[in-house]
C-alpha cells in the first residue's frame, strides 16, 4: 500500500505508484517551493503477517495522523518490508513529533536511526 500526502489537507492513495519501483525513484527530495525535504523510517514488526482488517485499520490510523501534520509531504507504507517511510519539510523537532504521534497509535512502531557513539 502506498500512502501519499500531496498537501497539508489532502491525503490520498497514489494509484500511479507500482510495486517493485525503488523508493528512491518515488520519494520527493524537494517540496513544491523548492525546499529540500528530510525523511525518516519506522519499522512496524510483523505488520504483513497481520489480518487484512488489522492492516487496513492501522494504515488508516497512520493516514489520519500524517494528515494532521502540515510538514508531511509524502509517506510510503511498505508491507513487504514492514516499513513506513515519511518525507517532511525540515523543522526543529518535526521528526520526533510525527514519530511520537505514530507510536501513540502503533506502539510497536520503531524509529529507524543511526547510532552515534557518545564522546
N, C-alpha and C. Protein backbone atom coordinates (compact mmCIF):
# COMPACT_ATOMS: atom_id res chain seq x y z
N UNK A 1 0.85 -1.17 0.00
CA UNK A 1 0.00 0.00 0.00
C UNK A 1 0.89 1.23 0.00
N UNK A 2 0.57 2.17 -0.85
CA UNK A 2 1.32 3.41 -0.94
C UNK A 2 0.44 4.54 -0.41
N UNK A 3 0.95 5.28 0.55
CA UNK A 3 0.23 6.43 1.10
C UNK A 3 1.00 7.66 0.65
N UNK A 4 0.33 8.61 0.04
CA UNK A 4 0.99 9.82 -0.39
C UNK A 4 0.25 11.03 0.14
N UNK A 5 1.02 12.01 0.60
CA UNK A 5 0.45 13.26 1.07
C UNK A 5 0.91 14.32 0.10
N UNK A 6 -0.02 14.99 -0.57
CA UNK A 6 0.34 16.00 -1.56
C UNK A 6 0.21 17.40 -1.02
N UNK A 7 -0.64 17.63 -0.08
CA UNK A 7 -0.79 18.94 0.55
C UNK A 7 -1.15 18.68 2.00
N UNK A 8 -1.14 19.71 2.81
CA UNK A 8 -1.36 19.51 4.24
C UNK A 8 -2.74 18.96 4.55
N UNK A 9 -3.71 19.16 3.66
CA UNK A 9 -5.06 18.68 3.95
C UNK A 9 -5.51 17.57 3.00
N UNK A 10 -4.67 17.18 2.05
CA UNK A 10 -5.08 16.19 1.06
C UNK A 10 -4.21 14.94 1.18
N UNK A 11 -4.79 13.88 1.69
CA UNK A 11 -4.09 12.62 1.85
C UNK A 11 -4.74 11.62 0.92
N UNK A 12 -3.95 11.02 0.02
CA UNK A 12 -4.53 10.11 -0.96
C UNK A 12 -3.66 8.87 -1.11
N UNK A 13 -4.27 7.84 -1.61
CA UNK A 13 -3.53 6.66 -2.03
C UNK A 13 -3.06 6.96 -3.45
N UNK A 14 -1.79 6.79 -3.71
CA UNK A 14 -1.24 7.13 -5.02
C UNK A 14 -1.41 5.95 -5.96
N UNK A 15 -2.33 6.05 -6.93
CA UNK A 15 -2.56 4.93 -7.85
C UNK A 15 -1.44 4.77 -8.88
N UNK A 16 -0.60 5.81 -9.07
CA UNK A 16 0.46 5.75 -10.07
C UNK A 16 1.68 4.97 -9.59
N UNK A 17 1.79 4.78 -8.28
CA UNK A 17 2.93 4.07 -7.73
C UNK A 17 2.70 2.57 -7.90
N UNK A 18 3.67 1.92 -8.51
CA UNK A 18 3.54 0.49 -8.76
C UNK A 18 4.51 -0.29 -7.88
N UNK A 19 4.13 -1.50 -7.51
CA UNK A 19 5.03 -2.33 -6.72
C UNK A 19 6.32 -2.59 -7.48
N UNK A 20 7.41 -2.67 -6.74
CA UNK A 20 8.69 -3.00 -7.34
C UNK A 20 9.52 -1.81 -7.77
N UNK A 21 8.94 -0.61 -7.80
CA UNK A 21 9.71 0.58 -8.14
C UNK A 21 10.51 0.98 -6.90
N UNK A 22 11.83 1.16 -7.04
CA UNK A 22 12.64 1.54 -5.88
C UNK A 22 12.15 2.85 -5.27
N UNK A 23 12.18 2.90 -3.96
CA UNK A 23 11.68 4.07 -3.25
C UNK A 23 12.43 5.34 -3.63
N UNK A 24 13.71 5.23 -3.91
CA UNK A 24 14.49 6.43 -4.26
C UNK A 24 13.99 7.07 -5.55
N UNK A 25 13.27 6.31 -6.38
CA UNK A 25 12.71 6.87 -7.61
C UNK A 25 11.35 7.52 -7.39
N UNK A 26 10.74 7.27 -6.24
CA UNK A 26 9.40 7.75 -5.96
C UNK A 26 9.39 8.90 -4.96
N UNK A 27 10.28 8.84 -3.99
CA UNK A 27 10.28 9.81 -2.89
C UNK A 27 10.71 11.19 -3.39
N UNK A 28 9.92 12.22 -3.06
CA UNK A 28 10.32 13.57 -3.45
C UNK A 28 11.51 14.04 -2.61
N UNK A 29 12.38 14.82 -3.21
CA UNK A 29 13.53 15.37 -2.49
C UNK A 29 13.34 16.85 -2.16
N UNK A 30 12.39 17.49 -2.86
CA UNK A 30 12.09 18.90 -2.64
C UNK A 30 10.57 19.09 -2.61
N UNK A 31 10.12 20.09 -1.86
CA UNK A 31 8.68 20.38 -1.86
C UNK A 31 8.34 21.28 -3.04
N UNK A 32 7.09 21.69 -3.15
CA UNK A 32 6.65 22.49 -4.29
C UNK A 32 7.32 23.87 -4.34
N UNK A 33 7.85 24.33 -3.21
CA UNK A 33 8.54 25.62 -3.17
C UNK A 33 10.04 25.48 -3.42
N UNK A 34 10.51 24.26 -3.69
CA UNK A 34 11.92 24.03 -3.96
C UNK A 34 12.77 23.76 -2.72
N UNK A 35 12.15 23.72 -1.53
CA UNK A 35 12.88 23.44 -0.29
C UNK A 35 13.22 21.96 -0.22
N UNK A 36 14.43 21.64 0.25
CA UNK A 36 14.81 20.24 0.44
C UNK A 36 13.97 19.62 1.56
N UNK A 37 13.68 18.34 1.42
CA UNK A 37 12.90 17.62 2.42
C UNK A 37 13.82 16.76 3.27
N UNK A 38 13.33 16.40 4.44
CA UNK A 38 14.01 15.43 5.29
C UNK A 38 13.08 14.23 5.42
N UNK A 39 13.59 13.10 5.88
CA UNK A 39 12.75 11.92 5.98
C UNK A 39 13.20 11.00 7.09
N UNK A 40 12.33 10.05 7.40
CA UNK A 40 12.65 9.03 8.40
C UNK A 40 11.88 7.76 8.08
N UNK A 41 12.33 6.66 8.68
CA UNK A 41 11.67 5.36 8.53
C UNK A 41 11.25 4.84 9.89
N UNK A 42 10.16 4.10 9.88
CA UNK A 42 9.73 3.39 11.08
C UNK A 42 9.48 1.94 10.70
N UNK A 43 10.03 1.04 11.49
CA UNK A 43 9.82 -0.39 11.33
C UNK A 43 8.59 -0.78 12.14
N UNK A 44 7.68 -1.51 11.52
CA UNK A 44 6.49 -2.00 12.22
C UNK A 44 6.56 -3.52 12.18
N UNK A 45 7.14 -4.13 13.22
CA UNK A 45 7.37 -5.58 13.22
C UNK A 45 6.10 -6.40 12.95
N UNK A 46 6.27 -7.42 12.11
CA UNK A 46 5.21 -8.38 11.78
C UNK A 46 3.95 -7.75 11.20
N UNK A 47 4.05 -6.57 10.61
CA UNK A 47 2.88 -5.91 10.05
C UNK A 47 2.24 -6.75 8.96
N UNK A 48 3.05 -7.27 8.04
CA UNK A 48 2.50 -8.01 6.89
C UNK A 48 1.83 -9.32 7.27
N UNK A 49 2.13 -9.84 8.45
CA UNK A 49 1.55 -11.12 8.87
C UNK A 49 0.23 -10.95 9.61
N UNK A 50 -0.22 -9.73 9.78
CA UNK A 50 -1.48 -9.47 10.46
C UNK A 50 -2.66 -9.67 9.52
N UNK A 51 -3.84 -9.84 10.08
CA UNK A 51 -5.04 -9.97 9.23
C UNK A 51 -5.26 -8.69 8.42
N UNK A 52 -5.79 -8.82 7.20
CA UNK A 52 -6.01 -7.65 6.35
C UNK A 52 -6.83 -6.54 7.01
N UNK A 53 -7.80 -6.90 7.83
CA UNK A 53 -8.63 -5.89 8.51
C UNK A 53 -7.77 -5.06 9.47
N UNK A 54 -6.86 -5.71 10.16
CA UNK A 54 -5.99 -5.01 11.10
C UNK A 54 -4.99 -4.11 10.36
N UNK A 55 -4.47 -4.60 9.23
CA UNK A 55 -3.55 -3.80 8.42
C UNK A 55 -4.27 -2.55 7.91
N UNK A 56 -5.49 -2.72 7.44
CA UNK A 56 -6.29 -1.60 6.95
C UNK A 56 -6.55 -0.58 8.06
N UNK A 57 -6.91 -1.06 9.23
CA UNK A 57 -7.18 -0.18 10.37
C UNK A 57 -5.93 0.61 10.73
N UNK A 58 -4.80 -0.08 10.77
CA UNK A 58 -3.55 0.57 11.12
C UNK A 58 -3.14 1.60 10.06
N UNK A 59 -3.27 1.24 8.79
CA UNK A 59 -2.87 2.18 7.74
C UNK A 59 -3.77 3.41 7.73
N UNK A 60 -5.06 3.23 7.99
CA UNK A 60 -5.96 4.38 8.07
C UNK A 60 -5.62 5.26 9.28
N UNK A 61 -5.24 4.64 10.38
CA UNK A 61 -4.83 5.41 11.55
C UNK A 61 -3.57 6.23 11.27
N UNK A 62 -2.61 5.62 10.58
CA UNK A 62 -1.39 6.33 10.21
C UNK A 62 -1.71 7.47 9.25
N UNK A 63 -2.60 7.22 8.29
CA UNK A 63 -3.02 8.27 7.35
C UNK A 63 -3.60 9.45 8.11
N UNK A 64 -4.46 9.17 9.08
CA UNK A 64 -5.10 10.24 9.85
C UNK A 64 -4.06 11.05 10.63
N UNK A 65 -3.10 10.36 11.21
CA UNK A 65 -2.04 11.05 11.96
C UNK A 65 -1.22 11.93 11.03
N UNK A 66 -0.81 11.39 9.89
CA UNK A 66 0.03 12.15 8.96
C UNK A 66 -0.72 13.36 8.40
N UNK A 67 -2.02 13.21 8.21
CA UNK A 67 -2.82 14.32 7.67
C UNK A 67 -2.87 15.50 8.64
N UNK A 68 -2.67 15.24 9.92
CA UNK A 68 -2.70 16.31 10.92
C UNK A 68 -1.41 17.13 10.95
N UNK A 69 -0.36 16.63 10.36
CA UNK A 69 0.95 17.30 10.40
C UNK A 69 1.21 17.99 9.08
N UNK A 70 1.19 19.30 9.09
CA UNK A 70 1.32 20.08 7.85
C UNK A 70 2.68 19.94 7.21
N UNK A 71 3.69 19.49 7.95
CA UNK A 71 5.03 19.35 7.39
C UNK A 71 5.19 18.09 6.54
N UNK A 72 4.32 17.10 6.70
CA UNK A 72 4.42 15.84 5.97
C UNK A 72 3.99 16.06 4.51
N UNK A 73 4.86 15.62 3.57
CA UNK A 73 4.53 15.77 2.16
C UNK A 73 4.45 14.44 1.42
N UNK A 74 4.97 13.36 2.01
CA UNK A 74 4.96 12.05 1.35
C UNK A 74 5.09 10.97 2.41
N UNK A 75 4.39 9.86 2.19
CA UNK A 75 4.55 8.69 3.05
C UNK A 75 4.36 7.44 2.22
N UNK A 76 5.08 6.39 2.59
CA UNK A 76 5.00 5.12 1.88
C UNK A 76 4.99 4.01 2.92
N UNK A 77 3.94 3.21 2.91
CA UNK A 77 3.84 2.06 3.80
C UNK A 77 4.14 0.82 2.99
N UNK A 78 5.27 0.18 3.26
CA UNK A 78 5.72 -0.98 2.51
C UNK A 78 5.44 -2.23 3.34
N UNK A 79 4.41 -2.98 2.94
CA UNK A 79 4.04 -4.18 3.69
C UNK A 79 5.07 -5.29 3.55
N UNK A 80 5.72 -5.38 2.40
CA UNK A 80 6.71 -6.43 2.19
C UNK A 80 7.87 -6.29 3.18
N UNK A 81 8.28 -5.03 3.44
CA UNK A 81 9.41 -4.78 4.33
C UNK A 81 8.99 -4.35 5.74
N UNK A 82 7.67 -4.20 5.96
CA UNK A 82 7.15 -3.73 7.25
C UNK A 82 7.69 -2.35 7.61
N UNK A 83 7.84 -1.47 6.61
CA UNK A 83 8.43 -0.15 6.83
C UNK A 83 7.47 0.97 6.45
N UNK A 84 7.52 2.03 7.24
CA UNK A 84 6.83 3.27 6.92
C UNK A 84 7.90 4.31 6.65
N UNK A 85 7.86 4.92 5.47
CA UNK A 85 8.78 5.99 5.09
C UNK A 85 7.99 7.28 5.08
N UNK A 86 8.50 8.33 5.72
CA UNK A 86 7.82 9.62 5.76
C UNK A 86 8.80 10.71 5.36
N UNK A 87 8.40 11.55 4.40
CA UNK A 87 9.19 12.72 4.00
C UNK A 87 8.45 13.97 4.45
N UNK A 88 9.18 14.91 5.00
CA UNK A 88 8.56 16.12 5.51
C UNK A 88 9.47 17.33 5.36
N UNK A 89 8.86 18.50 5.48
CA UNK A 89 9.63 19.74 5.44
C UNK A 89 10.45 19.83 6.72
N UNK A 90 11.73 20.23 6.60
CA UNK A 90 12.57 20.29 7.81
C UNK A 90 12.09 21.37 8.78
N UNK A 91 11.96 20.96 10.02
CA UNK A 91 11.59 21.86 11.11
C UNK A 91 12.13 21.23 12.39
N UNK A 92 12.68 22.03 13.25
CA UNK A 92 13.24 21.53 14.51
C UNK A 92 12.19 20.70 15.25
N UNK A 93 12.49 19.44 15.51
CA UNK A 93 11.61 18.56 16.28
C UNK A 93 10.49 17.89 15.49
N UNK A 94 10.41 18.16 14.19
CA UNK A 94 9.29 17.61 13.41
C UNK A 94 9.32 16.08 13.35
N UNK A 95 10.50 15.50 13.15
CA UNK A 95 10.58 14.03 13.07
C UNK A 95 10.15 13.41 14.39
N UNK A 96 10.64 13.93 15.49
CA UNK A 96 10.26 13.39 16.81
C UNK A 96 8.77 13.51 17.05
N UNK A 97 8.20 14.64 16.64
CA UNK A 97 6.77 14.89 16.84
C UNK A 97 5.91 13.90 16.05
N UNK A 98 6.23 13.73 14.78
CA UNK A 98 5.45 12.82 13.93
C UNK A 98 5.65 11.37 14.38
N UNK A 99 6.89 10.99 14.65
CA UNK A 99 7.17 9.61 15.09
C UNK A 99 6.46 9.30 16.41
N UNK A 100 6.46 10.24 17.33
CA UNK A 100 5.77 10.03 18.62
C UNK A 100 4.27 9.88 18.42
N UNK A 101 3.71 10.67 17.52
CA UNK A 101 2.26 10.57 17.25
C UNK A 101 1.93 9.20 16.65
N UNK A 102 2.78 8.72 15.76
CA UNK A 102 2.56 7.39 15.17
C UNK A 102 2.67 6.32 16.24
N UNK A 103 3.65 6.46 17.13
CA UNK A 103 3.82 5.45 18.19
C UNK A 103 2.65 5.41 19.16
N UNK A 104 1.95 6.53 19.32
CA UNK A 104 0.76 6.51 20.18
C UNK A 104 -0.32 5.61 19.58
N UNK A 105 -0.41 5.60 18.27
CA UNK A 105 -1.41 4.77 17.58
C UNK A 105 -0.89 3.36 17.32
N UNK A 106 0.42 3.25 17.03
CA UNK A 106 1.04 1.97 16.71
C UNK A 106 2.25 1.79 17.64
N UNK A 107 2.02 1.33 18.87
CA UNK A 107 3.09 1.29 19.87
C UNK A 107 4.30 0.43 19.48
N UNK A 108 4.09 -0.56 18.63
CA UNK A 108 5.21 -1.42 18.24
C UNK A 108 6.09 -0.80 17.17
N UNK A 109 5.69 0.33 16.59
CA UNK A 109 6.50 1.00 15.57
C UNK A 109 7.80 1.52 16.19
N UNK A 110 8.90 1.30 15.47
CA UNK A 110 10.22 1.67 15.96
C UNK A 110 10.87 2.63 14.97
N UNK A 111 11.35 3.75 15.47
CA UNK A 111 12.05 4.71 14.62
C UNK A 111 13.40 4.13 14.24
N UNK A 112 13.71 4.12 12.94
CA UNK A 112 14.99 3.61 12.46
C UNK A 112 15.93 4.80 12.35
N UNK A 113 17.06 4.70 13.06
CA UNK A 113 18.03 5.81 13.07
C UNK A 113 19.42 5.23 13.23
N UNK A 114 20.40 6.03 12.89
CA UNK A 114 21.77 5.59 13.08
C UNK A 114 22.18 5.85 14.53
N UNK A 115 23.15 5.11 14.98
CA UNK A 115 23.65 5.25 16.34
C UNK A 115 24.93 6.05 16.31
N UNK A 116 24.97 7.08 17.11
CA UNK A 116 26.18 7.88 17.23
C UNK A 116 26.75 7.61 18.62
N UNK A 117 27.97 7.09 18.63
CA UNK A 117 28.60 6.77 19.91
C UNK A 117 28.95 8.06 20.64
N UNK A 118 28.54 8.17 21.91
CA UNK A 118 28.86 9.39 22.67
C UNK A 118 30.38 9.54 22.85
N UNK A 119 30.82 10.77 22.86
CA UNK A 119 32.27 11.03 23.03
C UNK A 119 32.69 10.89 24.45
